Amino acid sequence: MQEISPDKKTAILNAALELFSEQGIHQTPVPQIAVRAGIGVGTIYRYFKNKEDLINSLYMDIHVRLIPFIRKDYSETAPVRANFLQYFSNFICYLVKHPAELSLMEQYENHPHSAGQSRTDYNVIFKRASEDGFLKKLPFEMLGSIIMGMLISISKFYIKNGVEESFGEYSIIAGTEAIWDAISK
């Protein structure tokens, strides 16, 4: 079997991210991704079973980069609220710095085949916050949807209007405090 170049896979993922961000997941055909990546359509199917597999792989590729960034300064021993604010402030900072990834994450959250994959990391925070009695009595999936919707909206706000410097008291921390207030007792 012929070895496949990781550079081609990276080119496919980058092209898909650009196109999904520009025109949407559903409006982007696989041949267009191949053209943008500078490869033949058949090459895409050497890496991915189908478009769904490409979408899920792209999301997971982003997730692999996102998790270390948002876990920065996270401490298992810190108070739950402090960890929550740090974690989700980092999340917003990441999304603001990566608007194409924000676009994909928003589309992915609403994609029928994405259930559960995007929230596996912050379920740890939910579990601890729930055990300590901080969260409203809602299913984790609903809490995750509330949080993700607010994260996306706040990130878009900062992309459109600028971050902290322009808004003083409306800093990223203030945004994450609003999220905390929405899901905590």
C-alpha atoms as a PDB file:
ATOM      1  CA  MET A   1       0.000   0.000   0.000  1.00  0.00           C
ATOM      2  CA  GLN A   2       1.276   3.453  -0.909  1.00  0.00           C
ATOM      3  CA  GLU A   3       2.122   5.701   2.048  1.00  0.00           C
ATOM      4  CA  ILE A   4       0.007   8.823   2.326  1.00  0.00           C
ATOM      5  CA  SER A   5       1.648  12.177   2.986  1.00  0.00           C
ATOM      6  CA  PRO A   6       0.650  13.954   6.209  1.00  0.00           C
ATOM      7  CA  ASP A   7       1.128  17.214   4.292  1.00  0.00           C
ATOM      8  CA  LYS A   8      -1.777  16.299   2.021  1.00  0.00           C
ATOM      9  CA  LYS A   9      -3.972  15.506   4.999  1.00  0.00           C
ATOM     10  CA  THR A  10      -3.063  18.868   6.540  1.00  0.00           C
ATOM     11  CA  ALA A  11      -3.811  20.592   3.229  1.00  0.00           C
ATOM     12  CA  ILE A  12      -7.222  18.901   3.109  1.00  0.00           C
ATOM     13  CA  LEU A  13      -8.064  19.881   6.700  1.00  0.00           C
ATOM     14  CA  ASN A  14      -6.907  23.475   6.146  1.00  0.00           C
ATOM     15  CA  ALA A  15      -8.873  23.791   2.908  1.00  0.00           C
ATOM     16  CA  ALA A  16     -11.981  22.313   4.525  1.00  0.00           C
ATOM     17  CA  LEU A  17     -11.711  24.699   7.493  1.00  0.00           C
ATOM     18  CA  GLU A  18     -11.365  27.712   5.198  1.00  0.00           C
ATOM     19  CA  LEU A  19     -14.273  26.709   2.982  1.00  0.00           C
ATOM     20  CA  PHE A  20     -16.565  25.624   5.816  1.00  0.00           C
ATOM     21  CA  SER A  21     -15.878  28.948   7.494  1.00  0.00           C
ATOM     22  CA  GLU A  22     -16.436  30.961   4.308  1.00  0.00           C
ATOM     23  CA  GLN A  23     -19.535  29.270   2.941  1.00  0.00           C
ATOM     24  CA  GLY A  24     -20.735  26.650   5.425  1.00  0.00           C
ATOM     25  CA  ILE A  25     -20.437  22.909   5.865  1.00  0.00           C
ATOM     26  CA  HIS A  26     -23.520  22.036   3.841  1.00  0.00           C
ATOM     27  CA  GLN A  27     -22.670  24.424   1.000  1.00  0.00           C
ATOM     28  CA  THR A  28     -19.148  23.067   0.518  1.00  0.00           C
ATOM     29  CA  PRO A  29     -18.813  20.069  -1.813  1.00  0.00           C
ATOM     30  CA  VAL A  30     -15.859  17.717  -1.473  1.00  0.00           C
ATOM     31  CA  PRO A  31     -14.526  18.517  -4.991  1.00  0.00           C
ATOM     32  CA  GLN A  32     -14.231  22.187  -3.990  1.00  0.00           C
ATOM     33  CA  ILE A  33     -12.152  21.171  -0.950  1.00  0.00           C
ATOM     34  CA  ALA A  34      -9.885  19.161  -3.251  1.00  0.00           C
ATOM     35  CA  VAL A  35      -9.384  22.148  -5.559  1.00  0.00           C
ATOM     36  CA  ARG A  36      -8.560  24.435  -2.613  1.00  0.00           C
ATOM     37  CA  ALA A  37      -6.139  21.830  -1.218  1.00  0.00           C
ATOM     38  CA  GLY A  38      -4.483  21.408  -4.620  1.00  0.00           C
ATOM     39  CA  ILE A  39      -5.146  17.668  -4.787  1.00  0.00           C
ATOM     40  CA  GLY A  40      -7.429  15.255  -6.614  1.00  0.00           C
ATOM     41  CA  VAL A  41     -10.824  14.390  -5.137  1.00  0.00           C
ATOM     42  CA  GLY A  42      -9.822  10.745  -4.791  1.00  0.00           C
ATOM     43  CA  THR A  43      -6.998  11.731  -2.457  1.00  0.00           C
ATOM     44  CA  ILE A  44      -9.530  13.023   0.067  1.00  0.00           C
ATOM     45  CA  TYR A  45     -11.099   9.564   0.201  1.00  0.00           C
ATOM     46  CA  ARG A  46      -7.724   8.006   0.999  1.00  0.00           C
ATOM     47  CA  TYR A  47      -7.847   9.907   4.297  1.00  0.00           C
ATOM     48  CA  PHE A  48     -11.575  10.163   5.000  1.00  0.00           C
ATOM     49  CA  LYS A  49     -14.429   7.706   4.382  1.00  0.00           C
ATOM     50  CA  ASN A  50     -16.822  10.490   3.437  1.00  0.00           C
ATOM     51  CA  LYS A  51     -17.608  14.140   4.106  1.00  0.00           C
ATOM     52  CA  GLU A  52     -18.964  13.323   7.597  1.00  0.00           C
ATOM     53  CA  ASP A  53     -15.669  11.673   8.478  1.00  0.00           C
ATOM     54  CA  LEU A  54     -13.806  14.747   7.195  1.00  0.00           C
ATOM     55  CA  ILE A  55     -16.006  17.070   9.270  1.00  0.00           C
ATOM     56  CA  ASN A  56     -15.553  14.984  12.415  1.00  0.00           C
ATOM     57  CA  SER A  57     -11.797  14.670  11.834  1.00  0.00           C
ATOM     58  CA  LEU A  58     -11.487  18.415  11.339  1.00  0.00           C
ATOM     59  CA  TYR A  59     -13.408  19.069  14.526  1.00  0.00           C
ATOM     60  CA  MET A  60     -11.233  16.631  16.476  1.00  0.00           C
ATOM     61  CA  ASP A  61      -8.090  18.205  14.970  1.00  0.00           C
ATOM     62  CA  ILE A  62      -9.230  21.592  16.284  1.00  0.00           C
ATOM     63  CA  HIS A  63     -10.176  20.028  19.617  1.00  0.00           C
ATOM     64  CA  VAL A  64      -6.643  18.638  20.014  1.00  0.00           C
ATOM     65  CA  ARG A  65      -5.211  22.170  19.693  1.00  0.00           C
ATOM     66  CA  LEU A  66      -7.963  23.794  21.741  1.00  0.00           C
ATOM     67  CA  ILE A  67      -7.813  21.644  24.880  1.00  0.00           C
ATOM     68  CA  PRO A  68      -4.242  22.473  25.983  1.00  0.00           C
ATOM     69  CA  PHE A  69      -4.938  26.169  25.375  1.00  0.00           C
ATOM     70  CA  ILE A  70      -8.094  26.260  27.466  1.00  0.00           C
ATOM     71  CA  ARG A  71      -6.606  24.106  30.224  1.00  0.00           C
ATOM     72  CA  LYS A  72      -3.782  26.610  30.690  1.00  0.00           C
ATOM     73  CA  ASP A  73      -3.723  27.733  34.344  1.00  0.00           C
ATOM     74  CA  TYR A  74      -6.419  25.185  35.235  1.00  0.00           C
ATOM     75  CA  SER A  75      -5.815  23.591  38.635  1.00  0.00           C
ATOM     76  CA  GLU A  76      -7.594  20.582  40.107  1.00  0.00           C
ATOM     77  CA  THR A  77      -7.164  22.143  43.539  1.00  0.00           C
ATOM     78  CA  ALA A  78      -8.532  25.599  42.701  1.00  0.00           C
ATOM     79  CA  PRO A  79     -12.121  26.468  43.654  1.00  0.00           C
ATOM     80  CA  VAL A  80     -14.712  25.298  41.118  1.00  0.00           C
ATOM     81  CA  ARG A  81     -15.843  28.815  40.186  1.00  0.00           C
ATOM     82  CA  ALA A  82     -12.258  30.022  39.662  1.00  0.00           C
ATOM     83  CA  ASN A  83     -11.526  27.025  37.438  1.00  0.00           C
ATOM     84  CA  PHE A  84     -14.723  27.602  35.493  1.00  0.00           C
ATOM     85  CA  LEU A  85     -13.903  31.270  34.881  1.00  0.00           C
ATOM     86  CA  GLN A  86     -10.304  30.504  33.880  1.00  0.00           C
ATOM     87  CA  TYR A  87     -11.212  27.600  31.617  1.00  0.00           C
ATOM     88  CA  PHE A  88     -13.982  29.370  29.735  1.00  0.00           C
ATOM     89  CA  SER A  89     -12.110  32.686  29.548  1.00  0.00           C
ATOM     90  CA  ASN A  90      -9.313  30.768  27.850  1.00  0.00           C
ATOM     91  CA  PHE A  91     -11.923  29.184  25.582  1.00  0.00           C
ATOM     92  CA  ILE A  92     -13.216  32.607  24.500  1.00  0.00           C
ATOM     93  CA  CYS A  93      -9.662  33.894  23.938  1.00  0.00           C
ATOM     94  CA  TYR A  94      -8.962  30.893  21.706  1.00  0.00           C
ATOM     95  CA  LEU A  95     -12.131  31.385  19.660  1.00  0.00           C
ATOM     96  CA  VAL A  96     -11.477  35.109  19.241  1.00  0.00           C
ATOM     97  CA  LYS A  97      -7.969  34.355  17.939  1.00  0.00           C
ATOM     98  CA  HIS A  98      -9.270  31.641  15.593  1.00  0.00           C
ATOM     99  CA  PRO A  99     -12.468  32.900  13.927  1.00  0.00           C
ATOM    100  CA  ALA A 100     -12.508  30.162  11.257  1.00  0.00           C
ATOM    101  CA  GLU A 101     -12.433  27.559  14.014  1.00  0.00           C
ATOM    102  CA  LEU A 102     -15.189  29.441  15.841  1.00  0.00           C
ATOM    103  CA  SER A 103     -17.303  29.274  12.683  1.00  0.00           C
ATOM    104  CA  LEU A 104     -16.714  25.552  12.347  1.00  0.00           C
ATOM    105  CA  MET A 105     -17.462  24.910  16.026  1.00  0.00           C
ATOM    106  CA  GLU A 106     -20.732  26.812  15.761  1.00  0.00           C
ATOM    107  CA  GLN A 107     -21.747  24.811  12.712  1.00  0.00           C
ATOM    108  CA  TYR A 108     -20.566  21.583  14.330  1.00  0.00           C
ATOM    109  CA  GLU A 109     -22.640  22.207  17.450  1.00  0.00           C
ATOM    110  CA  ASN A 110     -25.710  22.348  15.209  1.00  0.00           C
ATOM    111  CA  HIS A 111     -24.664  19.453  12.997  1.00  0.00           C
ATOM    112  CA  PRO A 112     -26.776  16.312  13.463  1.00  0.00           C
ATOM    113  CA  HIS A 113     -23.796  13.944  13.829  1.00  0.00           C
ATOM    114  CA  SER A 114     -21.847  15.928  16.421  1.00  0.00           C
ATOM    115  CA  ALA A 115     -23.685  14.872  19.583  1.00  0.00           C
ATOM    116  CA  GLY A 116     -21.458  14.681  22.619  1.00  0.00           C
ATOM    117  CA  GLN A 117     -18.071  14.907  20.953  1.00  0.00           C
ATOM    118  CA  SER A 118     -17.577  18.591  21.649  1.00  0.00           C
ATOM    119  CA  ARG A 119     -18.300  18.552  25.366  1.00  0.00           C
ATOM    120  CA  THR A 120     -16.250  15.634  26.600  1.00  0.00           C
ATOM    121  CA  ASP A 121     -13.531  17.830  28.094  1.00  0.00           C
ATOM    122  CA  TYR A 122     -15.629  20.192  30.136  1.00  0.00           C
ATOM    123  CA  ASN A 123     -17.774  17.408  31.549  1.00  0.00           C
ATOM    124  CA  VAL A 124     -14.992  17.139  34.168  1.00  0.00           C
ATOM    125  CA  ILE A 125     -15.803  20.686  35.313  1.00  0.00           C
ATOM    126  CA  PHE A 126     -19.536  19.888  35.304  1.00  0.00           C
ATOM    127  CA  LYS A 127     -19.021  16.778  37.389  1.00  0.00           C
ATOM    128  CA  ARG A 128     -17.035  18.602  40.061  1.00  0.00           C
ATOM    129  CA  ALA A 129     -19.371  21.615  40.077  1.00  0.00           C
ATOM    130  CA  SER A 130     -22.387  19.313  40.293  1.00  0.00           C
ATOM    131  CA  GLU A 131     -20.880  17.228  43.095  1.00  0.00           C
ATOM    132  CA  ASP A 132     -20.123  20.417  45.016  1.00  0.00           C
ATOM    133  CA  GLY A 133     -23.732  21.600  44.541  1.00  0.00           C
ATOM    134  CA  PHE A 134     -23.035  24.630  42.339  1.00  0.00           C
ATOM    135  CA  LEU A 135     -25.051  23.792  39.228  1.00  0.00           C
ATOM    136  CA  LYS A 136     -28.707  24.093  38.427  1.00  0.00           C
ATOM    137  CA  LYS A 137     -30.450  20.734  38.202  1.00  0.00           C
ATOM    138  CA  LEU A 138     -30.242  20.310  34.438  1.00  0.00           C
ATOM    139  CA  PRO A 139     -28.769  17.519  32.312  1.00  0.00           C
ATOM    140  CA  PHE A 140     -25.087  18.069  31.475  1.00  0.00           C
ATOM    141  CA  GLU A 141     -26.021  18.105  27.778  1.00  0.00           C
ATOM    142  CA  MET A 142     -28.362  21.049  28.355  1.00  0.00           C
ATOM    143  CA  LEU A 143     -25.782  22.872  30.470  1.00  0.00           C
ATOM    144  CA  GLY A 144     -23.239  22.254  27.712  1.00  0.00           C
ATOM    145  CA  SER A 145     -25.587  23.696  25.103  1.00  0.00           C
ATOM    146  CA  ILE A 146     -26.204  26.791  27.231  1.00  0.00           C
ATOM    147  CA  ILE A 147     -22.490  27.294  27.784  1.00  0.00           C
ATOM    148  CA  MET A 148     -21.492  26.662  24.172  1.00  0.00           C
ATOM    149  CA  GLY A 149     -24.150  29.042  22.869  1.00  0.00           C
ATOM    150  CA  MET A 150     -22.968  31.764  25.219  1.00  0.00           C
ATOM    151  CA  LEU A 151     -19.279  31.104  24.460  1.00  0.00           C
ATOM    152  CA  ILE A 152     -19.936  31.423  20.748  1.00  0.00           C
ATOM    153  CA  SER A 153     -22.023  34.589  21.176  1.00  0.00           C
ATOM    154  CA  ILE A 154     -19.495  36.277  23.465  1.00  0.00           C
ATOM    155  CA  SER A 155     -16.622  35.324  21.144  1.00  0.00           C
ATOM    156  CA  LYS A 156     -18.471  36.796  18.148  1.00  0.00           C
ATOM    157  CA  PHE A 157     -19.121  39.948  20.175  1.00  0.00           C
ATOM    158  CA  TYR A 158     -15.394  40.377  20.806  1.00  0.00           C
ATOM    159  CA  ILE A 159     -14.476  39.596  17.204  1.00  0.00           C
ATOM    160  CA  LYS A 160     -16.922  42.257  16.035  1.00  0.00           C
ATOM    161  CA  ASN A 161     -16.180  44.882  18.699  1.00  0.00           C
ATOM    162  CA  GLY A 162     -12.687  44.189  19.983  1.00  0.00           C
ATOM    163  CA  VAL A 163     -11.580  42.574  23.206  1.00  0.00           C
ATOM    164  CA  GLU A 164     -11.325  43.921  26.757  1.00  0.00           C
ATOM    165  CA  GLU A 165      -9.513  47.188  25.995  1.00  0.00           C
ATOM    166  CA  SER A 166     -12.655  48.673  24.463  1.00  0.00           C
ATOM    167  CA  PHE A 167     -15.104  47.438  27.044  1.00  0.00           C
ATOM    168  CA  GLY A 168     -13.380  47.838  30.410  1.00  0.00           C
ATOM    169  CA  GLU A 169     -15.814  46.296  32.854  1.00  0.00           C
ATOM    170  CA  TYR A 170     -17.196  44.092  30.065  1.00  0.00           C
ATOM    171  CA  SER A 171     -14.063  42.009  29.999  1.00  0.00           C
ATOM    172  CA  ILE A 172     -13.840  38.364  29.040  1.00  0.00           C
ATOM    173  CA  ILE A 173     -13.975  37.491  32.734  1.00  0.00           C
ATOM    174  CA  ALA A 174     -17.246  39.432  33.022  1.00  0.00           C
ATOM    175  CA  GLY A 175     -18.578  37.396  30.106  1.00  0.00           C
ATOM    176  CA  THR A 176     -17.609  34.112  31.716  1.00  0.00           C
ATOM    177  CA  GLU A 177     -19.128  35.289  35.006  1.00  0.00           C
ATOM    178  CA  ALA A 178     -22.398  35.788  33.127  1.00  0.00           C
ATOM    179  CA  ILE A 179     -22.153  32.209  31.866  1.00  0.00           C
ATOM    180  CA  TRP A 180     -21.479  30.998  35.409  1.00  0.00           C
ATOM    181  CA  ASP A 181     -24.516  32.944  36.643  1.00  0.00           C
ATOM    182  CA  ALA A 182     -26.675  31.310  33.944  1.00  0.00           C
ATOM    183  CA  ILE A 183     -25.879  27.753  35.017  1.00  0.00           C
ATOM    184  CA  SER A 184     -25.142  28.022  38.747  1.00  0.00           C
ATOM    185  CA  LYS A 185     -27.643  27.987  41.605  1.00  0.00           C
END
